[in-house]
C-alpha atoms as a PDB file:
ATOM      1  CA  MET A   1       0.000   0.000   0.000  1.00  0.00           C
ATOM      2  CA  ASN A   2       1.285   3.434  -0.902  1.00  0.00           C
ATOM      3  CA  ILE A   3       1.818   5.680   2.148  1.00  0.00           C
ATOM      4  CA  ILE A   4       0.430   8.665   0.224  1.00  0.00           C
ATOM      5  CA  SER A   5      -2.899   6.915  -0.292  1.00  0.00           C
ATOM      6  CA  ILE A   6      -3.529   6.598   3.453  1.00  0.00           C
ATOM      7  CA  LEU A   7      -2.633  10.178   4.361  1.00  0.00           C
ATOM      8  CA  PRO A   8      -5.550  12.609   4.545  1.00  0.00           C
ATOM      9  CA  THR A   9      -5.828  14.815   1.519  1.00  0.00           C
ATOM     10  CA  CYS A  10      -5.523  18.568   1.765  1.00  0.00           C
ATOM     11  CA  ALA A  11      -9.270  18.889   1.143  1.00  0.00           C
ATOM     12  CA  GLU A  12     -10.055  16.468   3.974  1.00  0.00           C
ATOM     13  CA  ARG A  13      -7.792  18.367   6.374  1.00  0.00           C
ATOM     14  CA  LYS A  14      -9.405  21.638   5.325  1.00  0.00           C
ATOM     15  CA  GLU A  15     -12.882  20.188   6.000  1.00  0.00           C
ATOM     16  CA  VAL A  16     -11.790  19.274   9.524  1.00  0.00           C
ATOM     17  CA  HIS A  17     -10.408  22.780  10.106  1.00  0.00           C
ATOM     18  CA  VAL A  18     -13.560  24.405   8.739  1.00  0.00           C
ATOM     19  CA  ALA A  19     -15.695  22.241  11.032  1.00  0.00           C
ATOM     20  CA  GLU A  20     -13.512  23.309  13.982  1.00  0.00           C
ATOM     21  CA  VAL A  21     -13.855  26.987  13.010  1.00  0.00           C
ATOM     22  CA  VAL A  22     -17.643  26.648  12.845  1.00  0.00           C
ATOM     23  CA  ARG A  23     -17.724  24.916  16.239  1.00  0.00           C
ATOM     24  CA  LEU A  24     -15.539  27.588  17.827  1.00  0.00           C
ATOM     25  CA  HIS A  25     -17.623  30.381  16.304  1.00  0.00           C
ATOM     26  CA  GLN A  26     -20.740  28.835  17.852  1.00  0.00           C
ATOM     27  CA  GLU A  27     -18.914  28.599  21.183  1.00  0.00           C
ATOM     28  CA  VAL A  28     -18.074  32.321  21.045  1.00  0.00           C
ATOM     29  CA  LYS A  29     -21.724  33.143  20.349  1.00  0.00           C
ATOM     30  CA  PHE A  30     -22.714  30.910  23.279  1.00  0.00           C
ATOM     31  CA  HIS A  31     -20.288  32.701  25.624  1.00  0.00           C
ATOM     32  CA  LYS A  32     -21.709  36.061  24.566  1.00  0.00           C
ATOM     33  CA  SER A  33     -25.274  34.926  25.276  1.00  0.00           C
ATOM     34  CA  GLU A  34     -24.105  33.479  28.612  1.00  0.00           C
ATOM     35  CA  ARG A  35     -22.698  36.876  29.511  1.00  0.00           C
ATOM     36  CA  LEU A  36     -26.042  38.561  28.834  1.00  0.00           C
ATOM     37  CA  LEU A  37     -27.923  35.950  30.865  1.00  0.00           C
ATOM     38  CA  LEU A  38     -25.466  36.314  33.733  1.00  0.00           C
ATOM     39  CA  LYS A  39     -25.907  40.072  33.684  1.00  0.00           C
ATOM     40  CA  ARG A  40     -29.701  39.745  33.892  1.00  0.00           C
ATOM     41  CA  LEU A  41     -29.512  37.118  36.631  1.00  0.00           C
ATOM     42  CA  LEU A  42     -27.142  39.119  38.813  1.00  0.00           C
ATOM     43  CA  ARG A  43     -29.217  42.260  38.423  1.00  0.00           C
ATOM     44  CA  SER A  44     -32.456  40.425  39.229  1.00  0.00           C
ATOM     45  CA  GLU A  45     -30.882  39.063  42.416  1.00  0.00           C
ATOM     46  CA  GLY A  46     -29.771  42.524  43.446  1.00  0.00           C
ATOM     47  CA  SER A  47     -26.106  41.593  43.275  1.00  0.00           C
ATOM     48  CA  SER A  48     -23.573  44.346  43.440  1.00  0.00           C
ATOM     49  CA  ASN A  49     -21.883  45.791  40.409  1.00  0.00           C
ATOM     50  CA  GLN A  50     -18.626  44.250  41.633  1.00  0.00           C
ATOM     51  CA  ASP A  51     -20.147  40.745  41.475  1.00  0.00           C
ATOM     52  CA  PHE A  52     -21.180  41.377  37.902  1.00  0.00           C
ATOM     53  CA  GLU A  53     -17.779  42.792  36.970  1.00  0.00           C
ATOM     54  CA  GLU A  54     -15.950  39.761  38.391  1.00  0.00           C
ATOM     55  CA  ALA A  55     -18.247  37.316  36.609  1.00  0.00           C
ATOM     56  CA  HIS A  56     -18.044  39.385  33.435  1.00  0.00           C
ATOM     57  CA  GLU A  57     -14.223  39.325  33.511  1.00  0.00           C
ATOM     58  CA  LYS A  58     -14.205  35.528  33.724  1.00  0.00           C
ATOM     59  CA  LEU A  59     -16.585  35.201  30.787  1.00  0.00           C
ATOM     60  CA  ALA A  60     -14.688  37.818  28.780  1.00  0.00           C
ATOM     61  CA  LYS A  61     -11.473  35.835  29.301  1.00  0.00           C
ATOM     62  CA  ALA A  62     -13.207  32.652  28.107  1.00  0.00           C
ATOM     63  CA  ILE A  63     -14.433  34.501  25.007  1.00  0.00           C
ATOM     64  CA  ASP A  64     -10.957  35.916  24.331  1.00  0.00           C
ATOM     65  CA  ASP A  65      -9.351  32.492  24.723  1.00  0.00           C
ATOM     66  CA  THR A  66     -11.861  30.980  22.317  1.00  0.00           C
ATOM     67  CA  ASN A  67     -11.338  33.825  19.829  1.00  0.00           C
ATOM     68  CA  GLU A  68      -7.556  33.326  19.943  1.00  0.00           C
ATOM     69  CA  HIS A  69      -7.976  29.611  19.305  1.00  0.00           C
ATOM     70  CA  LEU A  70     -10.372  30.421  16.461  1.00  0.00           C
ATOM     71  CA  LYS A  71      -7.848  32.815  14.886  1.00  0.00           C
ATOM     72  CA  SER A  72      -5.049  30.255  15.081  1.00  0.00           C
ATOM     73  CA  THR A  73      -7.299  27.623  13.511  1.00  0.00           C
ATOM     74  CA  VAL A  74      -8.220  29.972  10.655  1.00  0.00           C
ATOM     75  CA  VAL A  75      -4.526  30.677  10.038  1.00  0.00           C
ATOM     76  CA  GLN A  76      -3.856  26.925   9.868  1.00  0.00           C
ATOM     77  CA  VAL A  77      -6.572  26.500   7.228  1.00  0.00           C
ATOM     78  CA  VAL A  78      -5.029  29.165   5.005  1.00  0.00           C
END
């Protein structure tokens, strides 16, 4: 068997990367909606602004981390 025939083709690798980009993009959208829900929840419970800011910082970091991973994945596709 030829080793080249068992390696994934460029198109197959690109499909995997595109699927990963789509998944990460959906994750970013999910984090953003989580942030809005958290904001509403904390305000409805009468939590302080500091509580919201701390929770918001954690979610913002998760969004940034996901965005960075998304950017690196897009670069790999190109």
